Amino acid sequence: MDVVFLPLKGMHIMIFVNKAECVGCEECLHVCPRQSIVMEHEKAVIIPRMCDECERCIPVCPVKAIKIASAPLK
């Protein structure tokens, strides 16, 4: 069963990679429909302006290095 995180009203969602946890497997690159994930120094990096927060990358990460955070809209 896939887990979907729904944004709260008035909140902005951001997906990011914890580089300390990333093992460089590149699984997330293959599921990103917008090619917003690139590899830098053998670690995945999400390009925020390209990411549409579809969350497809989160469940495929074998070490759970991809995180989701929310912040109030400005």
N, C-alpha and C. Protein backbone atom coordinates (compact mmCIF):
# COMPACT_ATOMS: atom_id res chain seq x y z
N MET A 1 0.83 -1.18 0.00
CA MET A 1 0.00 0.00 0.00
C MET A 1 0.88 1.24 0.00
N ASP A 2 0.64 2.15 -0.93
CA ASP A 2 1.41 3.39 -1.01
C ASP A 2 0.86 4.39 0.01
N VAL A 3 1.76 5.13 0.62
CA VAL A 3 1.37 6.18 1.54
C VAL A 3 1.44 7.49 0.78
N VAL A 4 0.38 8.26 0.85
CA VAL A 4 0.34 9.56 0.19
C VAL A 4 0.22 10.63 1.26
N PHE A 5 1.09 11.60 1.23
CA PHE A 5 1.05 12.70 2.18
C PHE A 5 0.27 13.85 1.54
N LEU A 6 -0.81 14.24 2.16
CA LEU A 6 -1.61 15.33 1.63
C LEU A 6 -1.23 16.62 2.36
N PRO A 7 -1.03 17.70 1.62
CA PRO A 7 -0.65 18.95 2.26
C PRO A 7 -1.81 19.52 3.08
N LEU A 8 -1.46 20.15 4.18
CA LEU A 8 -2.46 20.84 4.98
C LEU A 8 -2.73 22.19 4.35
N LYS A 9 -3.94 22.68 4.51
CA LYS A 9 -4.30 23.98 3.96
C LYS A 9 -3.36 25.05 4.52
N GLY A 10 -2.83 25.87 3.63
CA GLY A 10 -1.92 26.93 4.04
C GLY A 10 -0.49 26.48 4.25
N MET A 11 -0.17 25.24 3.84
CA MET A 11 1.18 24.73 4.03
C MET A 11 1.82 24.42 2.68
N HIS A 12 3.12 24.56 2.61
CA HIS A 12 3.90 24.22 1.42
C HIS A 12 4.64 22.92 1.71
N ILE A 13 4.62 22.01 0.75
CA ILE A 13 5.30 20.73 0.89
C ILE A 13 6.65 20.79 0.17
N MET A 14 7.68 20.24 0.78
CA MET A 14 8.99 20.17 0.15
C MET A 14 9.57 18.78 0.36
N ILE A 15 10.06 18.21 -0.71
CA ILE A 15 10.70 16.89 -0.64
C ILE A 15 12.20 17.10 -0.79
N PHE A 16 12.98 16.42 0.04
CA PHE A 16 14.42 16.59 -0.01
C PHE A 16 15.12 15.27 0.31
N VAL A 17 16.39 15.20 -0.04
CA VAL A 17 17.20 14.01 0.22
C VAL A 17 18.15 14.30 1.37
N ASN A 18 18.16 13.44 2.37
CA ASN A 18 19.14 13.52 3.45
C ASN A 18 20.42 12.89 2.89
N LYS A 19 21.38 13.72 2.53
CA LYS A 19 22.61 13.23 1.88
C LYS A 19 23.40 12.27 2.76
N ALA A 20 23.31 12.43 4.06
CA ALA A 20 24.04 11.53 4.97
C ALA A 20 23.48 10.11 4.91
N GLU A 21 22.21 9.97 4.54
CA GLU A 21 21.58 8.66 4.46
C GLU A 21 21.57 8.06 3.05
N CYS A 22 21.68 8.90 2.04
CA CYS A 22 21.62 8.44 0.65
C CYS A 22 22.80 7.52 0.31
N VAL A 23 22.48 6.38 -0.31
CA VAL A 23 23.53 5.43 -0.69
C VAL A 23 23.85 5.49 -2.18
N GLY A 24 23.20 6.39 -2.91
CA GLY A 24 23.50 6.57 -4.33
C GLY A 24 22.99 5.47 -5.24
N CYS A 25 21.92 4.80 -4.87
CA CYS A 25 21.40 3.67 -5.66
C CYS A 25 20.71 4.11 -6.95
N GLU A 26 20.28 5.36 -7.03
CA GLU A 26 19.63 5.96 -8.19
C GLU A 26 18.21 5.46 -8.45
N GLU A 27 17.61 4.73 -7.53
CA GLU A 27 16.23 4.26 -7.71
C GLU A 27 15.27 5.43 -7.90
N CYS A 28 15.47 6.50 -7.16
CA CYS A 28 14.58 7.66 -7.24
C CYS A 28 14.63 8.33 -8.61
N LEU A 29 15.77 8.32 -9.25
CA LEU A 29 15.90 8.93 -10.58
C LEU A 29 14.96 8.28 -11.58
N HIS A 30 14.77 6.98 -11.47
CA HIS A 30 13.99 6.23 -12.44
C HIS A 30 12.49 6.45 -12.31
N VAL A 31 12.02 6.90 -11.16
CA VAL A 31 10.58 7.08 -10.97
C VAL A 31 10.13 8.53 -11.06
N CYS A 32 11.06 9.46 -11.11
CA CYS A 32 10.71 10.88 -11.15
C CYS A 32 10.21 11.26 -12.55
N PRO A 33 8.92 11.65 -12.66
CA PRO A 33 8.37 11.98 -13.98
C PRO A 33 8.89 13.30 -14.55
N ARG A 34 9.47 14.15 -13.71
CA ARG A 34 9.95 15.47 -14.16
C ARG A 34 11.47 15.56 -14.25
N GLN A 35 12.16 14.44 -14.02
CA GLN A 35 13.62 14.42 -14.01
C GLN A 35 14.19 15.51 -13.10
N SER A 36 13.56 15.66 -11.93
CA SER A 36 14.00 16.70 -11.00
C SER A 36 15.02 16.18 -9.98
N ILE A 37 15.45 14.94 -10.16
CA ILE A 37 16.47 14.37 -9.26
C ILE A 37 17.73 14.11 -10.07
N VAL A 38 18.84 14.60 -9.58
CA VAL A 38 20.14 14.42 -10.23
C VAL A 38 21.12 13.84 -9.20
N MET A 39 22.21 13.33 -9.70
CA MET A 39 23.25 12.81 -8.82
C MET A 39 24.38 13.83 -8.74
N GLU A 40 24.80 14.15 -7.52
CA GLU A 40 25.95 15.02 -7.28
C GLU A 40 26.83 14.33 -6.24
N HIS A 41 28.06 14.06 -6.61
CA HIS A 41 29.00 13.39 -5.71
C HIS A 41 28.42 12.07 -5.19
N GLU A 42 27.80 11.33 -6.10
CA GLU A 42 27.22 10.01 -5.83
C GLU A 42 26.06 10.03 -4.84
N LYS A 43 25.40 11.17 -4.72
CA LYS A 43 24.23 11.32 -3.85
C LYS A 43 23.10 11.96 -4.67
N ALA A 44 21.87 11.56 -4.38
CA ALA A 44 20.71 12.14 -5.06
C ALA A 44 20.44 13.54 -4.53
N VAL A 45 20.07 14.43 -5.43
CA VAL A 45 19.72 15.81 -5.08
C VAL A 45 18.44 16.16 -5.84
N ILE A 46 17.46 16.71 -5.15
CA ILE A 46 16.21 17.12 -5.78
C ILE A 46 16.30 18.60 -6.13
N ILE A 47 15.98 18.92 -7.38
CA ILE A 47 15.97 20.31 -7.83
C ILE A 47 14.58 20.88 -7.53
N PRO A 48 14.47 21.72 -6.50
CA PRO A 48 13.15 22.16 -6.03
C PRO A 48 12.27 22.81 -7.10
N ARG A 49 12.84 23.64 -7.96
CA ARG A 49 12.02 24.34 -8.96
C ARG A 49 11.44 23.39 -10.01
N MET A 50 11.99 22.20 -10.13
CA MET A 50 11.48 21.22 -11.09
C MET A 50 10.56 20.19 -10.45
N CYS A 51 10.68 20.01 -9.16
CA CYS A 51 9.90 18.99 -8.44
C CYS A 51 8.46 19.44 -8.27
N ASP A 52 7.51 18.55 -8.60
CA ASP A 52 6.10 18.88 -8.40
C ASP A 52 5.52 18.18 -7.17
N GLU A 53 6.39 17.65 -6.31
CA GLU A 53 6.01 16.99 -5.06
C GLU A 53 5.04 15.83 -5.28
N CYS A 54 5.25 15.04 -6.32
CA CYS A 54 4.38 13.90 -6.60
C CYS A 54 4.61 12.76 -5.61
N GLU A 55 5.75 12.77 -4.94
CA GLU A 55 6.11 11.82 -3.89
C GLU A 55 6.41 10.40 -4.38
N ARG A 56 6.59 10.20 -5.68
CA ARG A 56 6.90 8.87 -6.20
C ARG A 56 8.26 8.37 -5.75
N CYS A 57 9.16 9.30 -5.46
CA CYS A 57 10.51 8.92 -5.05
C CYS A 57 10.59 8.40 -3.63
N ILE A 58 9.69 8.83 -2.77
CA ILE A 58 9.76 8.49 -1.34
C ILE A 58 9.70 6.98 -1.10
N PRO A 59 8.70 6.27 -1.62
CA PRO A 59 8.62 4.84 -1.29
C PRO A 59 9.67 3.96 -1.96
N VAL A 60 10.34 4.44 -3.02
CA VAL A 60 11.33 3.59 -3.69
C VAL A 60 12.72 3.66 -3.07
N CYS A 61 12.93 4.62 -2.19
CA CYS A 61 14.25 4.75 -1.56
C CYS A 61 14.45 3.61 -0.56
N PRO A 62 15.44 2.75 -0.80
CA PRO A 62 15.62 1.58 0.08
C PRO A 62 16.12 1.92 1.48
N VAL A 63 16.67 3.12 1.65
CA VAL A 63 17.18 3.50 2.97
C VAL A 63 16.40 4.66 3.58
N LYS A 64 15.28 5.01 2.95
CA LYS A 64 14.39 6.07 3.45
C LYS A 64 15.11 7.41 3.61
N ALA A 65 15.99 7.72 2.66
CA ALA A 65 16.75 8.98 2.72
C ALA A 65 15.96 10.16 2.17
N ILE A 66 14.85 9.89 1.49
CA ILE A 66 14.05 10.97 0.92
C ILE A 66 12.96 11.33 1.92
N LYS A 67 12.94 12.59 2.29
CA LYS A 67 12.06 13.09 3.34
C LYS A 67 11.07 14.10 2.78
N ILE A 68 10.01 14.30 3.54
CA ILE A 68 9.03 15.31 3.18
C ILE A 68 8.89 16.25 4.37
N ALA A 69 8.81 17.53 4.06
CA ALA A 69 8.66 18.54 5.11
C ALA A 69 7.59 19.53 4.68
N SER A 70 7.00 20.20 5.63
CA SER A 70 6.02 21.22 5.31
C SER A 70 6.35 22.50 6.05
N ALA A 71 5.95 23.60 5.44
CA ALA A 71 6.20 24.91 6.03
C ALA A 71 5.01 25.79 5.68
N PRO A 72 4.72 26.79 6.51
CA PRO A 72 3.60 27.69 6.21
C PRO A 72 3.84 28.45 4.91
N LEU A 73 2.77 28.65 4.14
CA LEU A 73 2.87 29.47 2.94
C LEU A 73 3.09 30.91 3.35
N LYS A 74 3.88 31.62 2.55
CA LYS A 74 4.14 33.04 2.87
C LYS A 74 3.27 33.93 2.02
